[in-house]
Protein backbone atom coordinates (compact mmCIF):
# COMPACT_ATOMS: atom_id res chain seq x y z
CA MET A 1 -28.27 -16.06 -17.48
CA GLY A 2 -29.11 -12.44 -18.03
CA TYR A 3 -32.36 -12.14 -16.10
CA GLN A 4 -31.65 -8.50 -15.25
CA LEU A 5 -30.79 -7.80 -18.89
CA VAL A 6 -34.08 -9.35 -20.02
CA ARG A 7 -36.01 -7.41 -17.38
CA ASP A 8 -34.36 -4.16 -18.51
CA ALA A 9 -35.09 -4.94 -22.16
CA ILE A 10 -38.76 -5.51 -21.36
CA ALA A 11 -38.96 -2.34 -19.28
CA HIS A 12 -37.37 -0.17 -21.98
CA ARG A 13 -39.14 -1.69 -25.00
CA PRO A 14 -41.70 1.14 -25.36
CA THR A 15 -38.90 3.69 -25.79
CA TRP A 16 -37.00 1.79 -28.49
CA HIS A 17 -37.92 2.18 -32.14
CA ILE A 18 -36.92 -1.25 -33.43
CA SER A 19 -38.80 -4.00 -35.23
CA ASP A 20 -40.32 -6.93 -33.40
CA ARG A 21 -37.81 -9.24 -35.08
CA ALA A 22 -34.86 -7.18 -33.84
CA TYR A 23 -36.44 -7.09 -30.37
CA ALA A 24 -36.80 -10.88 -30.35
CA VAL A 25 -33.10 -11.21 -31.25
CA LEU A 26 -32.18 -8.74 -28.50
CA LEU A 27 -34.17 -10.72 -25.92
CA ARG A 28 -32.42 -13.94 -26.99
CA MET A 29 -29.05 -12.23 -26.67
CA ALA A 30 -29.98 -10.77 -23.27
CA PHE A 31 -31.11 -14.14 -21.96
CA SER A 32 -27.81 -15.74 -22.97
CA ALA A 33 -25.54 -12.95 -21.72
CA LEU A 34 -24.42 -12.80 -18.12
CA ASP A 35 -25.63 -10.27 -15.58
CA PRO A 36 -22.81 -8.34 -13.88
CA GLU A 37 -22.85 -10.40 -10.67
CA HIS A 38 -22.24 -13.62 -12.62
CA ALA A 39 -19.45 -12.33 -14.85
CA SER A 40 -15.89 -13.63 -14.91
CA GLU A 41 -12.72 -12.88 -16.84
CA ASP A 42 -13.60 -15.55 -19.39
CA HIS A 43 -17.23 -14.47 -19.67
CA PRO A 44 -17.67 -10.71 -19.22
CA ALA A 45 -21.02 -9.22 -18.28
CA ARG A 46 -23.42 -8.06 -20.97
CA HIS A 47 -21.65 -9.98 -23.74
CA TYR A 48 -23.36 -12.34 -26.17
CA PHE A 49 -21.16 -14.91 -27.87
CA GLY A 50 -23.67 -17.66 -28.57
CA GLY A 51 -23.42 -17.60 -32.35
CA TRP A 52 -25.94 -16.90 -35.06
CA TRP A 53 -27.81 -20.22 -35.07
CA PRO A 54 -29.71 -19.48 -31.82
CA LEU A 55 -30.60 -16.05 -33.19
CA ALA A 56 -31.79 -17.58 -36.46
CA MET A 57 -33.92 -20.07 -34.54
CA THR A 58 -35.42 -17.16 -32.59
CA LEU A 59 -36.54 -15.78 -35.96
CA GLY A 60 -38.07 -19.11 -36.96
CA TYR A 61 -35.27 -20.67 -39.01
CA LEU A 62 -34.75 -24.25 -37.89
CA PRO A 63 -31.58 -26.27 -38.44
CA GLY A 64 -33.40 -29.46 -39.38
CA ASP A 65 -34.52 -32.60 -37.62
CA GLU A 66 -31.65 -32.97 -35.17
CA TRP A 67 -30.21 -30.28 -32.92
CA ASP A 68 -26.52 -30.64 -32.14
CA ASP A 69 -24.63 -27.53 -31.11
CA ASP A 70 -21.27 -29.02 -32.07
CA LEU A 71 -22.56 -29.91 -35.53
CA LEU A 72 -24.17 -26.48 -36.08
CA ARG A 73 -21.07 -24.62 -34.97
CA ASP A 74 -19.46 -25.48 -38.30
CA GLN A 75 -22.59 -25.32 -40.44
CA PRO A 76 -23.28 -22.11 -42.34
CA LEU A 77 -26.70 -20.55 -41.99
CA PRO A 78 -29.03 -20.85 -44.95
CA PRO A 79 -28.88 -17.59 -46.97
CA ALA A 80 -32.32 -16.37 -45.90
CA ALA A 81 -31.53 -16.99 -42.23
CA HIS A 82 -28.17 -15.23 -42.55
CA ARG A 83 -29.81 -12.17 -44.11
CA ALA A 84 -32.52 -12.05 -41.42
CA VAL A 85 -30.04 -12.27 -38.54
CA ALA A 86 -27.73 -9.73 -40.18
CA ARG A 87 -30.64 -7.29 -40.63
CA ALA A 88 -31.67 -7.67 -36.98
CA LEU A 89 -28.10 -7.20 -35.72
CA ASN A 90 -27.62 -4.16 -37.95
CA GLU A 91 -30.85 -2.66 -36.67
CA LEU A 92 -29.78 -3.21 -33.06
CA THR A 93 -26.35 -1.72 -33.79
CA ASP A 94 -27.89 1.31 -35.49
CA ALA A 95 -30.17 1.80 -32.47
CA GLN A 96 -27.06 1.60 -30.26
CA LEU A 97 -28.46 -1.30 -28.26
CA ILE A 98 -25.56 -3.61 -29.08
CA LYS A 99 -21.95 -3.12 -30.08
CA HIS A 100 -19.81 -5.55 -32.08
CA VAL A 101 -16.69 -6.15 -29.96
CA GLY A 102 -15.13 -9.31 -31.36
CA SER A 103 -14.90 -10.66 -34.87
CA PRO A 104 -15.34 -14.35 -35.52
CA ASN A 105 -12.48 -16.50 -36.67
CA ARG A 106 -11.78 -20.20 -36.74
CA GLY A 107 -12.96 -21.65 -33.44
CA ARG A 108 -14.28 -18.34 -32.10
CA ARG A 109 -17.72 -16.81 -32.50
CA ALA A 110 -18.56 -13.15 -32.91
CA ASN A 111 -18.97 -11.22 -29.67
CA TYR A 112 -21.54 -8.51 -29.05
CA GLU A 113 -21.88 -6.26 -26.03
CA LEU A 114 -25.40 -5.28 -24.95
CA THR A 115 -25.14 -1.54 -24.39
CA TYR A 116 -28.63 -0.53 -23.23
């Protein structure tokens, strides 16, 4: 867990000019990413690869009655949720707080590096 990343995000929040929704997404990404001392070759530090569903849920979009990560992995986001997550990620990229480092393909999620 990225406790140091979350702490740094909270400490630097006043200096960032991003929306509250983008900030909520960044905190969710920071909490899921690994701090440097917990990194490995398979899971590098400061990288978020948890998928868009957790980010959508952070913004208030719920998957339904039952939560099952394996089921959601293959389920597309509802259009409104997809647009909201995309907007937040674009805002964070434009603010240079994250960087897209790996494109998704079958069986692999997108990968973002937290750059703050």
